[in-house]
């Protein structure tokens, strides 16, 4: 992406600088491993949008080099649903009202002692939300592209204390989903061309993801209807 961060005084700094790209690619590699690890576990009642089993089987057949090539996108291959502005506006207002208004009455156990019914996914989701929070603070343009976070959500998101983001990751199992899981070309072509070692076609498929993001951000791509996000009981 050839855009620049105009927030920086005294020069033009690339929005997607090398450290940001390397961080998102590390997270992508971890997310692929998480998908493969979770397929061996019993299906939870709160599972959200997922890749079909045949695609996960093909993904499991990739060697380490092919998985790394697949993960080398300039955006996240996973989504905490930042495009769902209604959900994020509600949950951030909910945690702000419940948390900040009575912070003095909240015990440290209430903030940090909660456990998740899906520990691996919750831990990865927590890391994702922290990375998005940091990116939103430091790179207001980049967070839109890397994580699909609209400016309206970012404005509220950066005000949230980190402990509240951790609680969101724990309290909403299934929040994290693959990006564009129902697109007929994106994931199947990623896996197919990574398996074949076809670098040119793999890059073309990764570029398709960039085009999908651009369409989402300018409003020309209809938003995916997501399953209702249920707070754990």
C-alpha atoms as a PDB file:
ATOM      1  CA  UNK A   1       0.000   0.000   0.000  1.00  0.00           C
ATOM      2  CA  UNK A   2       1.443   3.310  -1.073  1.00  0.00           C
ATOM      3  CA  UNK A   3      -0.163   5.680   1.391  1.00  0.00           C
ATOM      4  CA  UNK A   4       1.447   7.921   3.933  1.00  0.00           C
ATOM      5  CA  UNK A   5       0.748   8.929   7.486  1.00  0.00           C
ATOM      6  CA  UNK A   6      -0.057  12.631   7.405  1.00  0.00           C
ATOM      7  CA  UNK A   7      -0.185  12.744  11.211  1.00  0.00           C
ATOM      8  CA  UNK A   8       3.628  12.777  11.347  1.00  0.00           C
ATOM      9  CA  UNK A   9       5.093  16.256  11.521  1.00  0.00           C
ATOM     10  CA  UNK A  10       8.110  17.039   9.375  1.00  0.00           C
ATOM     11  CA  UNK A  11       7.871  14.249   6.835  1.00  0.00           C
ATOM     12  CA  UNK A  12       5.878  11.587   5.061  1.00  0.00           C
ATOM     13  CA  UNK A  13       6.103   8.174   6.692  1.00  0.00           C
ATOM     14  CA  UNK A  14       4.661   5.093   4.938  1.00  0.00           C
ATOM     15  CA  UNK A  15       1.447   3.962   6.632  1.00  0.00           C
ATOM     16  CA  UNK A  16       2.381   0.287   6.420  1.00  0.00           C
ATOM     17  CA  UNK A  17       5.995   0.476   7.505  1.00  0.00           C
ATOM     18  CA  UNK A  18       8.070  -2.697   7.804  1.00  0.00           C
ATOM     19  CA  UNK A  19       7.610  -3.181  11.596  1.00  0.00           C
ATOM     20  CA  UNK A  20       3.811  -2.976  11.262  1.00  0.00           C
ATOM     21  CA  UNK A  21       3.784  -5.432   8.373  1.00  0.00           C
ATOM     22  CA  UNK A  22       5.993  -7.894  10.205  1.00  0.00           C
ATOM     23  CA  UNK A  23       3.752  -7.699  13.290  1.00  0.00           C
ATOM     24  CA  UNK A  24       0.581  -8.410  11.308  1.00  0.00           C
ATOM     25  CA  UNK A  25       2.250 -11.273   9.459  1.00  0.00           C
ATOM     26  CA  UNK A  26       3.338 -12.832  12.749  1.00  0.00           C
ATOM     27  CA  UNK A  27      -0.246 -12.608  13.964  1.00  0.00           C
ATOM     28  CA  UNK A  28      -1.466 -14.141  10.692  1.00  0.00           C
ATOM     29  CA  UNK A  29       0.898 -17.081  11.128  1.00  0.00           C
ATOM     30  CA  UNK A  30      -0.307 -17.589  14.680  1.00  0.00           C
ATOM     31  CA  UNK A  31      -3.937 -17.358  13.561  1.00  0.00           C
ATOM     32  CA  UNK A  32      -3.435 -20.114  11.004  1.00  0.00           C
ATOM     33  CA  UNK A  33      -1.935 -22.316  13.711  1.00  0.00           C
ATOM     34  CA  UNK A  34      -4.867 -21.439  15.984  1.00  0.00           C
ATOM     35  CA  UNK A  35      -7.387 -22.467  13.313  1.00  0.00           C
ATOM     36  CA  UNK A  36      -5.647 -25.802  12.913  1.00  0.00           C
ATOM     37  CA  UNK A  37      -5.354 -26.386  16.663  1.00  0.00           C
ATOM     38  CA  UNK A  38      -9.011 -25.597  17.298  1.00  0.00           C
ATOM     39  CA  UNK A  39     -10.266 -27.961  14.594  1.00  0.00           C
ATOM     40  CA  UNK A  40      -9.133 -30.836  16.795  1.00  0.00           C
ATOM     41  CA  UNK A  41     -11.245 -29.626  19.727  1.00  0.00           C
ATOM     42  CA  UNK A  42     -14.988 -30.206  20.265  1.00  0.00           C
ATOM     43  CA  UNK A  43     -17.023 -27.549  18.468  1.00  0.00           C
ATOM     44  CA  UNK A  44     -18.091 -24.892  21.023  1.00  0.00           C
ATOM     45  CA  UNK A  45     -21.675 -23.691  21.219  1.00  0.00           C
ATOM     46  CA  UNK A  46     -20.529 -20.127  20.552  1.00  0.00           C
ATOM     47  CA  UNK A  47     -18.610 -20.752  17.325  1.00  0.00           C
ATOM     48  CA  UNK A  48     -19.025 -17.971  14.785  1.00  0.00           C
ATOM     49  CA  UNK A  49     -18.270 -17.842  11.088  1.00  0.00           C
ATOM     50  CA  UNK A  50     -15.700 -20.464  10.213  1.00  0.00           C
ATOM     51  CA  UNK A  51     -13.864 -21.941   7.259  1.00  0.00           C
ATOM     52  CA  UNK A  52     -15.284 -25.207   5.877  1.00  0.00           C
ATOM     53  CA  UNK A  53     -13.628 -28.437   7.003  1.00  0.00           C
ATOM     54  CA  UNK A  54     -12.328 -29.274   3.533  1.00  0.00           C
ATOM     55  CA  UNK A  55     -10.485 -25.958   3.461  1.00  0.00           C
ATOM     56  CA  UNK A  56      -9.061 -26.523   6.949  1.00  0.00           C
ATOM     57  CA  UNK A  57      -7.914 -29.974   5.815  1.00  0.00           C
ATOM     58  CA  UNK A  58      -6.100 -28.390   2.880  1.00  0.00           C
ATOM     59  CA  UNK A  59      -4.607 -25.747   5.172  1.00  0.00           C
ATOM     60  CA  UNK A  60      -3.362 -28.470   7.508  1.00  0.00           C
ATOM     61  CA  UNK A  61      -1.570 -30.085   4.575  1.00  0.00           C
ATOM     62  CA  UNK A  62       0.614 -27.026   3.944  1.00  0.00           C
ATOM     63  CA  UNK A  63       4.206 -27.118   5.131  1.00  0.00           C
ATOM     64  CA  UNK A  64       5.677 -24.346   7.280  1.00  0.00           C
ATOM     65  CA  UNK A  65       7.061 -22.436   4.297  1.00  0.00           C
ATOM     66  CA  UNK A  66       3.725 -22.488   2.457  1.00  0.00           C
ATOM     67  CA  UNK A  67       1.847 -21.324   5.570  1.00  0.00           C
ATOM     68  CA  UNK A  68       4.281 -18.440   6.008  1.00  0.00           C
ATOM     69  CA  UNK A  69       3.844 -17.444   2.352  1.00  0.00           C
ATOM     70  CA  UNK A  70       0.056 -17.559   2.743  1.00  0.00           C
ATOM     71  CA  UNK A  71       0.236 -15.415   5.906  1.00  0.00           C
ATOM     72  CA  UNK A  72       2.411 -12.724   4.304  1.00  0.00           C
ATOM     73  CA  UNK A  73      -0.506 -10.378   3.677  1.00  0.00           C
ATOM     74  CA  UNK A  74      -0.461  -6.644   4.300  1.00  0.00           C
ATOM     75  CA  UNK A  75      -3.571  -6.977   6.485  1.00  0.00           C
ATOM     76  CA  UNK A  76      -4.997  -9.329   9.087  1.00  0.00           C
ATOM     77  CA  UNK A  77      -6.470 -12.645   7.950  1.00  0.00           C
ATOM     78  CA  UNK A  78      -8.793 -12.499  10.967  1.00  0.00           C
ATOM     79  CA  UNK A  79     -11.430 -10.054  12.081  1.00  0.00           C
ATOM     80  CA  UNK A  80     -12.729  -8.988  15.503  1.00  0.00           C
ATOM     81  CA  UNK A  81     -15.698  -7.558  13.614  1.00  0.00           C
ATOM     82  CA  UNK A  82     -14.698  -3.903  13.747  1.00  0.00           C
ATOM     83  CA  UNK A  83     -16.952  -3.339  10.727  1.00  0.00           C
ATOM     84  CA  UNK A  84     -19.891  -4.082  13.037  1.00  0.00           C
ATOM     85  CA  UNK A  85     -20.096  -0.556  14.406  1.00  0.00           C
ATOM     86  CA  UNK A  86     -23.331  -1.222  16.278  1.00  0.00           C
ATOM     87  CA  UNK A  87     -21.742  -4.026  18.299  1.00  0.00           C
ATOM     88  CA  UNK A  88     -18.536  -2.152  19.107  1.00  0.00           C
ATOM     89  CA  UNK A  89     -20.348   1.071  19.990  1.00  0.00           C
ATOM     90  CA  UNK A  90     -22.617  -0.885  22.336  1.00  0.00           C
ATOM     91  CA  UNK A  91     -19.919  -3.006  23.985  1.00  0.00           C
ATOM     92  CA  UNK A  92     -17.524  -0.094  24.482  1.00  0.00           C
ATOM     93  CA  UNK A  93     -20.298   2.031  25.972  1.00  0.00           C
ATOM     94  CA  UNK A  94     -21.353  -0.922  28.134  1.00  0.00           C
ATOM     95  CA  UNK A  95     -17.878  -1.528  29.497  1.00  0.00           C
ATOM     96  CA  UNK A  96     -17.252   2.181  29.926  1.00  0.00           C
ATOM     97  CA  UNK A  97     -20.483   2.592  31.907  1.00  0.00           C
ATOM     98  CA  UNK A  98     -20.001  -0.545  33.967  1.00  0.00           C
ATOM     99  CA  UNK A  99     -16.269  -0.148  34.409  1.00  0.00           C
ATOM    100  CA  UNK A 100     -15.197   3.463  34.565  1.00  0.00           C
ATOM    101  CA  UNK A 101     -18.184   4.686  36.524  1.00  0.00           C
ATOM    102  CA  UNK A 102     -17.480   2.220  39.321  1.00  0.00           C
ATOM    103  CA  UNK A 103     -13.772   1.626  38.887  1.00  0.00           C
ATOM    104  CA  UNK A 104     -13.112   2.205  42.571  1.00  0.00           C
ATOM    105  CA  UNK A 105     -15.556  -0.615  43.416  1.00  0.00           C
ATOM    106  CA  UNK A 106     -14.151  -3.087  40.874  1.00  0.00           C
ATOM    107  CA  UNK A 107     -11.819  -5.635  42.397  1.00  0.00           C
ATOM    108  CA  UNK A 108      -8.639  -6.617  40.637  1.00  0.00           C
ATOM    109  CA  UNK A 109     -10.134 -10.113  40.384  1.00  0.00           C
ATOM    110  CA  UNK A 110     -13.089  -8.755  38.419  1.00  0.00           C
ATOM    111  CA  UNK A 111     -10.767  -7.020  35.981  1.00  0.00           C
ATOM    112  CA  UNK A 112      -8.037  -9.623  35.631  1.00  0.00           C
ATOM    113  CA  UNK A 113      -9.290 -12.844  37.177  1.00  0.00           C
ATOM    114  CA  UNK A 114     -11.877 -13.849  34.577  1.00  0.00           C
ATOM    115  CA  UNK A 115     -11.270 -17.097  32.718  1.00  0.00           C
ATOM    116  CA  UNK A 116     -12.401 -18.059  29.242  1.00  0.00           C
ATOM    117  CA  UNK A 117     -14.263 -21.120  28.020  1.00  0.00           C
ATOM    118  CA  UNK A 118     -11.997 -21.018  24.935  1.00  0.00           C
ATOM    119  CA  UNK A 119      -8.546 -20.137  26.345  1.00  0.00           C
ATOM    120  CA  UNK A 120      -6.506 -20.177  23.116  1.00  0.00           C
ATOM    121  CA  UNK A 121      -8.969 -18.118  21.117  1.00  0.00           C
ATOM    122  CA  UNK A 122      -9.491 -15.663  23.989  1.00  0.00           C
ATOM    123  CA  UNK A 123      -5.736 -15.227  24.435  1.00  0.00           C
ATOM    124  CA  UNK A 124      -5.214 -14.607  20.730  1.00  0.00           C
ATOM    125  CA  UNK A 125      -8.198 -12.255  20.600  1.00  0.00           C
ATOM    126  CA  UNK A 126      -6.761 -10.337  23.550  1.00  0.00           C
ATOM    127  CA  UNK A 127      -3.412  -9.949  21.779  1.00  0.00           C
ATOM    128  CA  UNK A 128      -5.252  -8.851  18.626  1.00  0.00           C
ATOM    129  CA  UNK A 129      -7.246  -6.190  20.467  1.00  0.00           C
ATOM    130  CA  UNK A 130      -4.100  -4.881  22.176  1.00  0.00           C
ATOM    131  CA  UNK A 131      -2.292  -4.711  18.821  1.00  0.00           C
ATOM    132  CA  UNK A 132      -5.267  -2.921  17.260  1.00  0.00           C
ATOM    133  CA  UNK A 133      -5.452  -0.509  20.216  1.00  0.00           C
ATOM    134  CA  UNK A 134      -1.758   0.361  19.877  1.00  0.00           C
ATOM    135  CA  UNK A 135      -2.046   0.727  16.100  1.00  0.00           C
ATOM    136  CA  UNK A 136      -5.116   2.957  16.431  1.00  0.00           C
ATOM    137  CA  UNK A 137      -3.188   5.221  18.798  1.00  0.00           C
ATOM    138  CA  UNK A 138      -0.041   5.446  16.692  1.00  0.00           C
ATOM    139  CA  UNK A 139      -1.252   4.929  13.112  1.00  0.00           C
ATOM    140  CA  UNK A 140      -4.793   6.157  12.615  1.00  0.00           C
ATOM    141  CA  UNK A 141      -4.809   5.394   8.897  1.00  0.00           C
ATOM    142  CA  UNK A 142      -3.037   2.035   9.114  1.00  0.00           C
ATOM    143  CA  UNK A 143      -5.517   0.571  11.613  1.00  0.00           C
ATOM    144  CA  UNK A 144      -8.292   0.939   9.047  1.00  0.00           C
ATOM    145  CA  UNK A 145      -6.413  -1.151   6.524  1.00  0.00           C
ATOM    146  CA  UNK A 146      -4.743  -3.695   8.806  1.00  0.00           C
ATOM    147  CA  UNK A 147      -7.768  -4.430  10.996  1.00  0.00           C
ATOM    148  CA  UNK A 148     -10.713  -2.943   9.071  1.00  0.00           C
ATOM    149  CA  UNK A 149     -11.458  -0.528  11.920  1.00  0.00           C
ATOM    150  CA  UNK A 150     -13.640   2.433  10.881  1.00  0.00           C
ATOM    151  CA  UNK A 151     -12.733   5.864  12.226  1.00  0.00           C
ATOM    152  CA  UNK A 152     -15.919   5.977  14.318  1.00  0.00           C
ATOM    153  CA  UNK A 153     -14.989   2.771  16.136  1.00  0.00           C
ATOM    154  CA  UNK A 154     -11.337   3.833  16.492  1.00  0.00           C
ATOM    155  CA  UNK A 155     -12.356   7.051  18.242  1.00  0.00           C
ATOM    156  CA  UNK A 156     -14.100   5.053  20.995  1.00  0.00           C
ATOM    157  CA  UNK A 157     -11.695   2.102  20.961  1.00  0.00           C
ATOM    158  CA  UNK A 158      -8.594   4.104  21.883  1.00  0.00           C
ATOM    159  CA  UNK A 159     -10.348   5.444  24.985  1.00  0.00           C
ATOM    160  CA  UNK A 160     -10.910   1.976  26.427  1.00  0.00           C
ATOM    161  CA  UNK A 161      -8.628   0.810  29.260  1.00  0.00           C
ATOM    162  CA  UNK A 162      -6.651  -2.288  28.340  1.00  0.00           C
ATOM    163  CA  UNK A 163      -8.305  -4.386  31.047  1.00  0.00           C
ATOM    164  CA  UNK A 164     -11.661  -3.741  29.402  1.00  0.00           C
ATOM    165  CA  UNK A 165     -10.358  -4.999  26.061  1.00  0.00           C
ATOM    166  CA  UNK A 166      -9.209  -8.153  27.832  1.00  0.00           C
ATOM    167  CA  UNK A 167     -12.685  -8.631  29.294  1.00  0.00           C
ATOM    168  CA  UNK A 168     -14.272  -8.171  25.856  1.00  0.00           C
ATOM    169  CA  UNK A 169     -12.004 -10.892  24.463  1.00  0.00           C
ATOM    170  CA  UNK A 170     -13.072 -13.218  27.296  1.00  0.00           C
ATOM    171  CA  UNK A 171     -16.741 -12.259  27.567  1.00  0.00           C
ATOM    172  CA  UNK A 172     -17.515 -12.640  23.850  1.00  0.00           C
ATOM    173  CA  UNK A 173     -16.309 -16.082  22.729  1.00  0.00           C
ATOM    174  CA  UNK A 174     -16.355 -16.432  18.991  1.00  0.00           C
ATOM    175  CA  UNK A 175     -15.695 -12.728  18.473  1.00  0.00           C
ATOM    176  CA  UNK A 176     -12.730 -13.483  16.228  1.00  0.00           C
ATOM    177  CA  UNK A 177     -13.523 -14.884  12.773  1.00  0.00           C
ATOM    178  CA  UNK A 178     -11.638 -15.453   9.520  1.00  0.00           C
ATOM    179  CA  UNK A 179     -11.801 -12.485   7.204  1.00  0.00           C
ATOM    180  CA  UNK A 180     -14.184 -13.010   4.246  1.00  0.00           C
ATOM    181  CA  UNK A 181     -14.940 -16.679   5.086  1.00  0.00           C
ATOM    182  CA  UNK A 182     -17.724 -16.915   2.494  1.00  0.00           C
ATOM    183  CA  UNK A 183     -15.887 -15.281  -0.395  1.00  0.00           C
ATOM    184  CA  UNK A 184     -15.766 -17.984  -3.093  1.00  0.00           C
ATOM    185  CA  UNK A 185     -12.214 -17.169  -4.187  1.00  0.00           C
ATOM    186  CA  UNK A 186     -10.190 -15.670  -1.356  1.00  0.00           C
ATOM    187  CA  UNK A 187      -9.399 -18.500   1.084  1.00  0.00           C
ATOM    188  CA  UNK A 188      -9.595 -21.363  -1.454  1.00  0.00           C
ATOM    189  CA  UNK A 189      -7.146 -19.583  -3.763  1.00  0.00           C
ATOM    190  CA  UNK A 190      -4.828 -18.603  -0.896  1.00  0.00           C
ATOM    191  CA  UNK A 191      -4.500 -22.241   0.147  1.00  0.00           C
ATOM    192  CA  UNK A 192      -4.342 -23.624  -3.392  1.00  0.00           C
ATOM    193  CA  UNK A 193      -1.619 -21.299  -4.646  1.00  0.00           C
ATOM    194  CA  UNK A 194       0.385 -21.520  -1.411  1.00  0.00           C
ATOM    195  CA  UNK A 195       0.326 -25.319  -1.713  1.00  0.00           C
ATOM    196  CA  UNK A 196       1.438 -25.121  -5.355  1.00  0.00           C
ATOM    197  CA  UNK A 197       4.206 -22.623  -4.595  1.00  0.00           C
ATOM    198  CA  UNK A 198       2.692 -20.345  -7.244  1.00  0.00           C
ATOM    199  CA  UNK A 199       4.069 -17.030  -5.973  1.00  0.00           C
ATOM    200  CA  UNK A 200       2.507 -14.815  -8.635  1.00  0.00           C
ATOM    201  CA  UNK A 201      -1.022 -16.141  -8.224  1.00  0.00           C
ATOM    202  CA  UNK A 202      -0.682 -16.146  -4.448  1.00  0.00           C
ATOM    203  CA  UNK A 203       0.247 -12.461  -4.529  1.00  0.00           C
ATOM    204  CA  UNK A 204      -2.688 -11.776  -6.848  1.00  0.00           C
ATOM    205  CA  UNK A 205      -5.018 -13.431  -4.331  1.00  0.00           C
ATOM    206  CA  UNK A 206      -3.489 -11.421  -1.496  1.00  0.00           C
ATOM    207  CA  UNK A 207      -4.112  -8.319  -3.604  1.00  0.00           C
ATOM    208  CA  UNK A 208      -7.759  -9.377  -3.840  1.00  0.00           C
ATOM    209  CA  UNK A 209      -7.888  -9.011  -0.056  1.00  0.00           C
ATOM    210  CA  UNK A 210      -6.560  -5.458  -0.360  1.00  0.00           C
ATOM    211  CA  UNK A 211      -9.282  -4.713  -2.908  1.00  0.00           C
ATOM    212  CA  UNK A 212     -11.952  -6.158  -0.624  1.00  0.00           C
ATOM    213  CA  UNK A 213     -10.726  -3.910   2.187  1.00  0.00           C
ATOM    214  CA  UNK A 214     -10.811  -0.856  -0.065  1.00  0.00           C
ATOM    215  CA  UNK A 215     -14.379  -1.714  -1.082  1.00  0.00           C
ATOM    216  CA  UNK A 216     -15.397  -2.139   2.565  1.00  0.00           C
ATOM    217  CA  UNK A 217     -13.877   1.176   3.560  1.00  0.00           C
ATOM    218  CA  UNK A 218     -15.486   3.156   0.741  1.00  0.00           C
ATOM    219  CA  UNK A 219     -18.834   1.441   1.255  1.00  0.00           C
ATOM    220  CA  UNK A 220     -19.140  -0.234  -2.150  1.00  0.00           C
ATOM    221  CA  UNK A 221     -18.951  -3.763  -0.728  1.00  0.00           C
ATOM    222  CA  UNK A 222     -22.036  -4.839   1.241  1.00  0.00           C
ATOM    223  CA  UNK A 223     -21.243  -5.650   4.825  1.00  0.00           C
ATOM    224  CA  UNK A 224     -21.350  -9.309   5.750  1.00  0.00           C
ATOM    225  CA  UNK A 225     -24.244 -10.114   8.037  1.00  0.00           C
ATOM    226  CA  UNK A 226     -22.629 -11.525  11.152  1.00  0.00           C
ATOM    227  CA  UNK A 227     -24.127 -13.887  13.626  1.00  0.00           C
ATOM    228  CA  UNK A 228     -25.378 -12.326  16.812  1.00  0.00           C
ATOM    229  CA  UNK A 229     -22.525 -11.970  19.244  1.00  0.00           C
ATOM    230  CA  UNK A 230     -23.601 -13.424  22.548  1.00  0.00           C
ATOM    231  CA  UNK A 231     -21.972 -12.524  25.804  1.00  0.00           C
ATOM    232  CA  UNK A 232     -20.969 -15.544  27.803  1.00  0.00           C
ATOM    233  CA  UNK A 233     -23.231 -16.309  30.724  1.00  0.00           C
END
